[in-house]
Structures are given as structure tokens and as C-alpha cells.
C-alpha atoms as a PDB file:
ATOM      1  CA  UNK A   1      98.372 111.425  -4.593  1.00  0.00           C
ATOM      2  CA  UNK A   2     100.042 108.029  -4.617  1.00  0.00           C
ATOM      3  CA  UNK A   3     101.097 106.232  -1.454  1.00  0.00           C
ATOM      4  CA  UNK A   4     103.789 103.569  -1.165  1.00  0.00           C
ATOM      5  CA  UNK A   5     103.112 101.308   1.800  1.00  0.00           C
ATOM      6  CA  UNK A   6     106.208 100.032   3.632  1.00  0.00           C
ATOM      7  CA  UNK A   7     105.785  96.837   5.657  1.00  0.00           C
ATOM      8  CA  UNK A   8     108.042  95.214   8.251  1.00  0.00           C
ATOM      9  CA  UNK A   9     109.321  91.631   7.994  1.00  0.00           C
ATOM     10  CA  UNK A  10     106.082  90.350   9.555  1.00  0.00           C
ATOM     11  CA  UNK A  11     103.911  92.055   6.949  1.00  0.00           C
ATOM     12  CA  UNK A  12     102.675  94.816   9.249  1.00  0.00           C
ATOM     13  CA  UNK A  13     102.495  98.354   7.909  1.00  0.00           C
ATOM     14  CA  UNK A  14     105.324 100.513   9.267  1.00  0.00           C
ATOM     15  CA  UNK A  15     104.774 103.730   7.340  1.00  0.00           C
ATOM     16  CA  UNK A  16     103.730 105.108   3.962  1.00  0.00           C
ATOM     17  CA  UNK A  17     105.407 107.489   1.551  1.00  0.00           C
ATOM     18  CA  UNK A  18     103.258 110.054  -0.233  1.00  0.00           C
ATOM     19  CA  UNK A  19     103.990 111.150  -3.801  1.00  0.00           C
ATOM     20  CA  UNK A  20     102.237 114.049  -5.498  1.00  0.00           C
ATOM     21  CA  UNK A  21     104.082 114.357  -8.830  1.00  0.00           C
ATOM     22  CA  UNK A  22     101.307 114.537 -11.468  1.00  0.00           C
ATOM     23  CA  UNK A  23     103.193 112.432 -14.046  1.00  0.00           C
ATOM     24  CA  UNK A  24     103.936 109.690 -11.507  1.00  0.00           C
ATOM     25  CA  UNK A  25     100.316 109.661 -10.303  1.00  0.00           C
ATOM     26  CA  UNK A  26      99.084 109.339 -13.906  1.00  0.00           C
ATOM     27  CA  UNK A  27     101.509 106.474 -14.658  1.00  0.00           C
ATOM     28  CA  UNK A  28     100.395 104.646 -11.516  1.00  0.00           C
ATOM     29  CA  UNK A  29      96.732 105.179 -12.353  1.00  0.00           C
ATOM     30  CA  UNK A  30      97.277 103.850 -15.900  1.00  0.00           C
ATOM     31  CA  UNK A  31      99.199 100.834 -14.596  1.00  0.00           C
ATOM     32  CA  UNK A  32      96.444  99.925 -12.130  1.00  0.00           C
ATOM     33  CA  UNK A  33      93.808 100.384 -14.833  1.00  0.00           C
ATOM     34  CA  UNK A  34      95.671  97.981 -17.144  1.00  0.00           C
ATOM     35  CA  UNK A  35      95.949  95.418 -14.348  1.00  0.00           C
ATOM     36  CA  UNK A  36      92.228  95.721 -13.667  1.00  0.00           C
ATOM     37  CA  UNK A  37      91.442  95.215 -17.375  1.00  0.00           C
ATOM     38  CA  UNK A  38      93.510  91.989 -17.394  1.00  0.00           C
ATOM     39  CA  UNK A  39      91.876  90.616 -14.255  1.00  0.00           C
ATOM     40  CA  UNK A  40      89.025  88.168 -13.859  1.00  0.00           C
ATOM     41  CA  UNK A  41      86.138  87.865 -11.423  1.00  0.00           C
ATOM     42  CA  UNK A  42      87.245  86.472  -8.060  1.00  0.00           C
ATOM     43  CA  UNK A  43      84.570  83.762  -8.189  1.00  0.00           C
ATOM     44  CA  UNK A  44      85.955  82.054 -11.307  1.00  0.00           C
ATOM     45  CA  UNK A  45      89.541  82.398 -10.048  1.00  0.00           C
ATOM     46  CA  UNK A  46      88.620  80.907  -6.680  1.00  0.00           C
ATOM     47  CA  UNK A  47      86.784  77.979  -8.271  1.00  0.00           C
ATOM     48  CA  UNK A  48      89.695  77.205 -10.597  1.00  0.00           C
ATOM     49  CA  UNK A  49      92.692  77.814  -8.310  1.00  0.00           C
ATOM     50  CA  UNK A  50      91.628  77.620  -4.646  1.00  0.00           C
ATOM     51  CA  UNK A  51      88.433  75.675  -4.056  1.00  0.00           C
ATOM     52  CA  UNK A  52      89.976  72.176  -4.146  1.00  0.00           C
ATOM     53  CA  UNK A  53      93.002  72.975  -1.993  1.00  0.00           C
ATOM     54  CA  UNK A  54      93.271  71.773   1.606  1.00  0.00           C
ATOM     55  CA  UNK A  55      93.178  74.521   4.258  1.00  0.00           C
ATOM     56  CA  UNK A  56      96.525  75.936   5.287  1.00  0.00           C
ATOM     57  CA  UNK A  57      97.861  75.192   8.748  1.00  0.00           C
ATOM     58  CA  UNK A  58     100.621  77.614   9.723  1.00  0.00           C
ATOM     59  CA  UNK A  59     102.967  76.335  12.423  1.00  0.00           C
ATOM     60  CA  UNK A  60     103.057  79.716  14.158  1.00  0.00           C
ATOM     61  CA  UNK A  61     100.664  82.597  13.602  1.00  0.00           C
ATOM     62  CA  UNK A  62     102.510  85.329  11.730  1.00  0.00           C
ATOM     63  CA  UNK A  63     101.501  88.076  14.142  1.00  0.00           C
ATOM     64  CA  UNK A  64     101.449  86.031  17.346  1.00  0.00           C
ATOM     65  CA  UNK A  65     102.561  88.411  20.106  1.00  0.00           C
ATOM     66  CA  UNK A  66     103.306  91.240  17.688  1.00  0.00           C
ATOM     67  CA  UNK A  67     101.245  93.894  19.465  1.00  0.00           C
ATOM     68  CA  UNK A  68     102.623  92.763  22.825  1.00  0.00           C
ATOM     69  CA  UNK A  69     106.148  93.385  21.507  1.00  0.00           C
ATOM     70  CA  UNK A  70     105.590  96.587  19.545  1.00  0.00           C
ATOM     71  CA  UNK A  71     102.464  98.225  20.948  1.00  0.00           C
ATOM     72  CA  UNK A  72      99.589  99.446  18.865  1.00  0.00           C
ATOM     73  CA  UNK A  73     100.690 101.470  15.809  1.00  0.00           C
ATOM     74  CA  UNK A  74      99.835 105.138  15.652  1.00  0.00           C
ATOM     75  CA  UNK A  75      97.876 106.752  12.840  1.00  0.00           C
ATOM     76  CA  UNK A  76      99.579 107.372   9.498  1.00  0.00           C
ATOM     77  CA  UNK A  77     100.209 111.050   9.021  1.00  0.00           C
ATOM     78  CA  UNK A  78     100.709 112.602   5.617  1.00  0.00           C
END
């Protein structure tokens, strides 16, 4: 199975689509495997790209009041 996660404009999961086509699942698995092979350990990436940066200071929290407006999401059903 392969799931496609669909997020709203605030980055919160809305729903997921499930795919079971064997060829699609294999292509996705191969793609993820190739990405993994090209990756690097998080420690060296963090040291090189993140460690010296100042902390971020968002003006407004992304999800501020989100649950008050929408309620708690229900479970994902497949």
C-alpha cells in the first residue's frame, strides 16, 4: 500500500488516499530507496547547514487557534 497525505493550507493533515496498485507501490518503493541512498547522516547536515543559524521567530504560530476553530481531527480510515 502507498498513502498520499493531503494537508490543508496550515499544514495539518486533512485526509489520505490509499493506493494498492502493485506497479505503483514498487515505483514508490524504488524512488524512496534511491532518495535514501543519496542522503547523508542528519548530524553532518545539521552541522553544515543549520548549526550556525539564528533561531527562527515566527510572528504568529502556524496552528494558533486551529483546534479551537476546527475541532480535533478524527482517525484516518482506510
